[in-house]
Amino acid sequence: MKKQLLLFTFFIAMLTVVAQDTITGWRFPVNSGADSLNANLGTATNKGYDLRYQLVLTPDSDSTINTVYFAEGAETYAAATAGWQDGADLRFWSIKFKAPNYSNFKVYSKQKSDDGPRDFKLQWRLSSTTFIDIPNGTITLANDWATGVVNMLPVPIADQGTGSIYIRWLMNSNTSVNGETVTPDGISMIDDILVTAISSLGVGEVVYTNRISIYPVPSNGIFTVKSTQPMESLTILDASGRNIHSVQQPGSESHINLSGAPAGNYILRVRFNDSDKSYSQPFTIR
């Protein structure tokens, strides 16, 4: 019993240290509709912002190119577009979001090219400022979803106040993934974009075991979450604090299938309809 209590306490401490809030994210679950390019993860405000394909006009101004369509993604769909010729330091993917009272930002993404650009670099800026390179933010792509992956890359965002924050994936050379020059037909794709951060106002999490039950525990990745109160959202975090699964408005019961997840320790985070706080509980997949 003491060993179990110690383990439980350790995981709660681990959650406090590493867990980050999802600020914005794109999984592209659908490939049509007015909101199909909008963020489908993150805060309510940030879900109103879309992913854009843009062109540098001057150091202080950009133009949006409305040619984005959808291709097969890493899991569901991905944003895709051609027209990257002569685009070095000019053409880029871009996202916008707001995150007052947050720090310790991290970005995730996956990119792929089909005869499109091979080299990108990540940059960030605040409103009315110029883009700054993100340290270690150079990305080399291939014609697969496993090569051009950005995972938990720190972004040194500070002093953002209530203004907008921008991150872009800037084409960094005119070389294609085939080692030739990018042509107008070369396609670039982007998927699984995620930005996380830690709130300076405090996480505000408590263990709320009298409302939540998970069974079976441990499981093989297939399990059920039940609650005595309706859940507004349900999120699964891995040991690094990354959001690997989320459900909006799951009600009082949700059946989860993470059968492909590695064995290890995870955190269930739930927000209830009758509370402005989130509640967490550790569990194990074997």
Protein backbone atom coordinates (compact mmCIF):
# COMPACT_ATOMS: atom_id res chain seq x y z
CA MET A 1 0.00 0.00 0.00
CA LYS A 2 2.84 2.41 0.91
CA LYS A 3 4.60 1.59 -2.36
CA GLN A 4 1.45 2.32 -4.36
CA LEU A 5 0.93 5.62 -2.53
CA LEU A 6 4.55 6.64 -3.16
CA LEU A 7 4.22 5.83 -6.86
CA PHE A 8 0.97 7.78 -7.07
CA THR A 9 2.55 10.80 -5.38
CA PHE A 10 5.53 10.61 -7.75
CA PHE A 11 3.31 10.76 -10.83
CA ILE A 12 1.38 13.74 -9.50
CA ALA A 13 4.69 15.53 -8.88
CA MET A 14 5.81 14.58 -12.38
CA LEU A 15 2.60 16.04 -13.81
CA THR A 16 3.14 19.36 -12.03
CA VAL A 17 6.64 19.61 -13.49
CA VAL A 18 6.17 18.54 -17.08
CA ALA A 19 2.52 18.94 -18.03
CA GLN A 20 1.84 21.78 -20.43
CA ASP A 21 -1.39 23.28 -21.66
CA THR A 22 -2.26 22.95 -25.34
CA ILE A 23 -2.36 26.51 -26.70
CA THR A 24 -3.18 25.69 -30.32
CA GLY A 25 -2.95 22.75 -32.69
CA TRP A 26 -3.89 21.34 -36.08
CA ARG A 27 -4.65 17.62 -36.64
CA PHE A 28 -6.78 18.26 -39.76
CA PRO A 29 -9.55 15.76 -38.90
CA VAL A 30 -11.63 16.82 -41.94
CA ASN A 31 -10.70 17.83 -45.48
CA SER A 32 -13.52 20.25 -46.33
CA GLY A 33 -15.63 22.99 -44.83
CA ALA A 34 -15.18 26.61 -43.80
CA ASP A 35 -13.21 25.71 -40.66
CA SER A 36 -11.13 22.86 -42.07
CA LEU A 37 -7.90 24.92 -41.97
CA ASN A 38 -8.64 26.30 -38.49
CA ALA A 39 -6.94 24.98 -35.37
CA ASN A 40 -8.94 22.10 -33.89
CA LEU A 41 -7.00 22.00 -30.61
CA GLY A 42 -6.23 24.63 -27.99
CA THR A 43 -8.12 27.52 -26.48
CA ALA A 44 -11.45 28.75 -27.81
CA THR A 45 -9.89 31.97 -29.10
CA ASN A 46 -7.12 30.20 -30.96
CA LYS A 47 -9.48 27.76 -32.67
CA GLY A 48 -10.64 30.72 -34.76
CA TYR A 49 -7.21 31.10 -36.42
CA ASP A 50 -6.25 29.26 -39.60
CA LEU A 51 -3.06 27.81 -41.05
CA ARG A 52 -1.76 29.89 -43.98
CA TYR A 53 0.60 29.56 -46.93
CA GLN A 54 2.26 32.94 -47.34
CA LEU A 55 4.79 34.93 -49.35
CA VAL A 56 7.17 37.61 -48.07
CA LEU A 57 6.53 40.93 -49.83
CA THR A 58 8.84 43.15 -47.76
CA PRO A 59 10.60 42.58 -44.41
CA ASP A 60 7.46 43.93 -42.71
CA SER A 61 4.63 42.58 -44.87
CA ASP A 62 3.36 39.23 -46.18
CA SER A 63 0.73 38.02 -48.63
CA THR A 64 -1.52 35.00 -48.10
CA ILE A 65 -1.66 32.61 -51.04
CA ASN A 66 -5.05 30.90 -51.13
CA THR A 67 -4.08 27.63 -52.79
CA VAL A 68 -4.04 25.29 -49.78
CA TYR A 69 -5.76 21.95 -50.25
CA PHE A 70 -5.65 18.60 -48.45
CA ALA A 71 -3.58 15.45 -48.91
CA GLU A 72 -3.18 12.22 -46.97
CA GLY A 73 -1.61 13.09 -43.64
CA ALA A 74 0.38 11.29 -40.98
CA GLU A 75 -2.91 10.00 -39.49
CA THR A 76 -5.87 11.77 -41.11
CA TYR A 77 -5.34 14.67 -43.51
CA ALA A 78 -2.60 17.25 -44.03
CA ALA A 79 -2.49 20.75 -45.49
CA ALA A 80 -0.74 20.76 -48.86
CA THR A 81 0.10 23.13 -51.70
CA ALA A 82 2.35 23.46 -54.74
CA GLY A 83 3.92 26.68 -56.06
CA TRP A 84 7.12 26.75 -53.98
CA GLN A 85 9.44 27.58 -56.91
CA ASP A 86 12.06 30.28 -56.20
CA GLY A 87 10.71 30.38 -52.64
CA ALA A 88 13.89 30.37 -50.55
CA ASP A 89 13.45 32.88 -47.68
CA LEU A 90 10.15 33.98 -49.27
CA ARG A 91 7.50 31.25 -49.00
CA PHE A 92 6.30 29.75 -45.75
CA TRP A 93 3.61 28.02 -43.67
CA SER A 94 2.35 30.27 -40.86
CA ILE A 95 0.21 30.05 -37.72
CA LYS A 96 -1.09 32.72 -35.34
CA PHE A 97 -2.25 32.41 -31.73
CA LYS A 98 -2.57 34.28 -28.43
CA ALA A 99 -1.27 33.09 -25.08
CA PRO A 100 -1.23 35.76 -22.34
CA ASN A 101 0.27 34.65 -19.02
CA TYR A 102 2.05 31.66 -20.58
CA SER A 103 5.73 30.76 -20.85
CA ASN A 104 7.97 27.78 -21.67
CA PHE A 105 6.53 27.37 -25.16
CA LYS A 106 7.19 24.24 -27.21
CA VAL A 107 6.28 23.50 -30.82
CA TYR A 108 5.63 20.21 -32.63
CA SER A 109 5.05 19.54 -36.33
CA LYS A 110 5.46 17.05 -39.17
CA GLN A 111 6.34 17.97 -42.74
CA LYS A 112 6.66 16.07 -46.00
CA SER A 113 7.44 17.02 -49.61
CA ASP A 114 6.59 15.40 -52.92
CA ASP A 115 9.20 16.92 -55.26
CA GLY A 116 8.76 20.02 -53.10
CA PRO A 117 11.20 21.94 -50.88
CA ARG A 118 13.60 19.97 -48.71
CA ASP A 119 14.83 22.66 -46.32
CA PHE A 120 12.86 24.77 -43.84
CA LYS A 121 13.60 26.73 -40.69
CA LEU A 122 11.30 27.72 -37.85
CA GLN A 123 10.92 31.35 -36.80
CA TRP A 124 8.69 33.30 -34.41
CA ARG A 125 7.63 36.89 -33.82
CA LEU A 126 5.23 39.05 -31.88
CA SER A 127 2.82 41.55 -33.44
CA SER A 128 4.59 44.53 -35.06
CA THR A 129 8.02 42.88 -34.82
CA THR A 130 10.19 40.91 -37.26
CA PHE A 131 10.70 37.15 -37.34
CA ILE A 132 13.50 35.60 -35.26
CA ASP A 133 15.09 32.20 -35.87
CA ILE A 134 14.11 29.52 -33.34
CA PRO A 135 17.30 27.85 -32.00
CA ASN A 136 17.78 24.35 -33.46
CA GLY A 137 14.80 25.03 -35.73
CA THR A 138 16.23 23.87 -39.08
CA ILE A 139 14.24 21.03 -40.66
CA THR A 140 15.22 18.65 -43.49
CA LEU A 141 12.29 16.95 -45.24
CA ALA A 142 11.85 13.80 -47.28
CA ASN A 143 8.89 12.19 -49.03
CA ASP A 144 7.68 10.63 -45.77
CA TRP A 145 6.18 11.70 -42.44
CA ALA A 146 9.06 10.35 -40.32
CA THR A 147 11.92 12.64 -41.42
CA GLY A 148 10.77 16.25 -41.11
CA VAL A 149 9.53 15.98 -37.52
CA VAL A 150 9.79 18.72 -34.89
CA ASN A 151 9.24 17.41 -31.35
CA MET A 152 9.07 19.54 -28.19
CA LEU A 153 11.24 22.29 -29.69
CA PRO A 154 11.52 25.21 -27.21
CA VAL A 155 10.43 28.59 -28.57
CA PRO A 156 11.81 31.57 -26.59
CA ILE A 157 8.57 33.58 -26.60
CA ALA A 158 8.42 36.31 -23.95
CA ASP A 159 6.70 39.63 -23.26
CA GLN A 160 3.77 38.74 -25.53
CA GLY A 161 1.14 40.36 -23.33
CA THR A 162 -2.28 39.96 -24.91
CA GLY A 163 -0.99 40.42 -28.45
CA SER A 164 -0.66 37.85 -31.22
CA ILE A 165 2.21 35.40 -31.61
CA TYR A 166 3.29 34.03 -34.99
CA ILE A 167 5.31 30.93 -35.85
CA ARG A 168 6.34 30.16 -39.41
CA TRP A 169 8.02 27.31 -41.30
CA LEU A 170 10.15 29.26 -43.83
CA MET A 171 11.48 27.59 -46.97
CA ASN A 172 15.24 27.76 -46.50
CA SER A 173 16.63 26.79 -49.93
CA ASN A 174 15.44 26.12 -53.47
CA THR A 175 16.58 22.48 -53.26
CA SER A 176 13.88 19.80 -53.56
CA VAL A 177 13.74 16.55 -51.60
CA ASN A 178 15.16 14.89 -54.74
CA GLY A 179 18.24 17.11 -54.64
CA GLU A 180 17.13 19.14 -57.64
CA THR A 181 15.62 22.62 -57.96
CA VAL A 182 12.05 23.01 -56.74
CA THR A 183 9.59 23.37 -59.64
CA PRO A 184 6.06 24.86 -59.64
CA ASP A 185 4.65 21.31 -59.32
CA GLY A 186 6.58 20.48 -56.15
CA ILE A 187 4.24 19.91 -53.20
CA SER A 188 4.85 20.70 -49.53
CA MET A 189 2.65 19.19 -46.80
CA ILE A 190 2.36 19.94 -43.08
CA ASP A 191 0.49 18.09 -40.31
CA ASP A 192 0.23 17.52 -36.55
CA ILE A 193 1.10 21.09 -35.54
CA LEU A 194 0.97 21.68 -31.79
CA VAL A 195 2.02 24.53 -29.50
CA THR A 196 2.11 23.98 -25.75
CA ALA A 197 3.08 26.19 -22.81
CA ILE A 198 2.84 26.52 -19.03
CA SER A 199 0.54 29.04 -17.39
CA SER A 200 2.16 31.55 -15.05
CA LEU A 201 -1.13 31.66 -13.15
CA GLY A 202 -0.64 28.09 -11.92
CA VAL A 203 -1.87 24.78 -13.20
CA GLY A 204 -4.69 24.54 -10.64
CA GLU A 205 -4.90 20.77 -10.83
CA VAL A 206 -6.12 18.49 -8.07
CA VAL A 207 -6.65 14.77 -7.83
CA TYR A 208 -10.36 14.12 -7.96
CA THR A 209 -10.68 10.36 -7.63
CA ASN A 210 -14.24 10.44 -6.29
CA ARG A 211 -15.48 11.61 -9.70
CA ILE A 212 -13.23 9.72 -12.10
CA SER A 213 -12.67 6.01 -12.62
CA ILE A 214 -10.50 4.28 -15.23
CA TYR A 215 -10.79 0.56 -15.97
CA PRO A 216 -9.12 -1.78 -16.47
CA VAL A 217 -5.91 -0.52 -14.84
CA PRO A 218 -3.35 -1.33 -15.98
CA SER A 219 -4.59 -1.88 -19.52
CA ASN A 220 -3.23 -2.74 -22.94
CA GLY A 221 -4.23 0.74 -24.14
CA ILE A 222 -7.94 0.03 -24.49
CA PHE A 223 -9.86 1.31 -21.48
CA THR A 224 -12.91 3.25 -20.32
CA VAL A 225 -13.11 6.53 -18.41
CA LYS A 226 -16.27 7.11 -16.37
CA SER A 227 -17.27 10.18 -14.41
CA THR A 228 -20.03 10.98 -11.95
CA GLN A 229 -20.26 14.46 -13.54
CA PRO A 230 -20.40 15.32 -17.28
CA MET A 231 -16.93 15.93 -18.71
CA GLU A 232 -16.27 18.96 -20.90
CA SER A 233 -12.98 17.61 -22.23
CA LEU A 234 -10.69 14.63 -21.77
CA THR A 235 -6.97 14.64 -22.57
CA ILE A 236 -4.28 11.96 -22.37
CA LEU A 237 -0.69 13.13 -21.77
CA ASP A 238 2.41 10.99 -22.18
CA ALA A 239 5.38 11.12 -19.80
CA SER A 240 6.83 14.14 -21.60
CA GLY A 241 3.61 16.10 -21.11
CA ARG A 242 2.59 15.88 -24.77
CA ASN A 243 -1.09 15.67 -25.63
CA ILE A 244 -1.51 12.34 -27.48
CA HIS A 245 -5.31 12.05 -27.39
CA SER A 246 -8.18 14.41 -26.69
CA VAL A 247 -11.97 14.27 -26.74
CA GLN A 248 -14.35 17.22 -26.51
CA GLN A 249 -17.68 16.84 -24.68
CA PRO A 250 -17.28 13.12 -23.88
CA GLY A 251 -20.19 13.22 -21.45
CA SER A 252 -20.02 10.85 -18.50
CA GLU A 253 -18.27 7.96 -20.24
CA SER A 254 -15.59 7.66 -22.90
CA HIS A 255 -14.06 4.54 -24.47
CA ILE A 256 -10.38 5.10 -25.31
CA ASN A 257 -8.30 3.08 -27.77
CA LEU A 258 -4.56 3.72 -27.44
CA SER A 259 -3.56 0.19 -28.38
CA GLY A 260 -0.65 1.53 -30.43
CA ALA A 261 0.79 3.56 -27.55
CA PRO A 262 4.08 2.40 -25.97
CA ALA A 263 3.90 0.77 -22.56
CA GLY A 264 4.50 3.27 -19.79
CA ASN A 265 3.01 5.89 -17.51
CA TYR A 266 0.39 8.38 -18.66
CA ILE A 267 -1.79 11.14 -17.23
CA LEU A 268 -5.53 11.52 -17.71
CA ARG A 269 -6.60 15.17 -17.53
CA VAL A 270 -10.31 16.00 -17.35
CA ARG A 271 -12.21 19.27 -17.27
CA PHE A 272 -15.79 19.13 -15.96
CA ASN A 273 -18.76 21.15 -17.16
CA ASP A 274 -19.34 22.54 -13.66
CA SER A 275 -15.76 23.68 -12.94
CA ASP A 276 -13.12 25.96 -14.41
CA LYS A 277 -10.30 23.71 -13.19
CA SER A 278 -8.81 20.57 -14.67
CA TYR A 279 -8.35 17.34 -12.73
CA SER A 280 -5.70 14.70 -13.26
CA GLN A 281 -5.06 11.04 -12.55
CA PRO A 282 -2.05 8.88 -13.47
CA PHE A 283 -2.47 5.46 -15.07
CA THR A 284 -0.32 2.80 -16.74
CA ILE A 285 -0.38 1.05 -20.10
CA ARG A 286 1.38 -2.33 -20.29
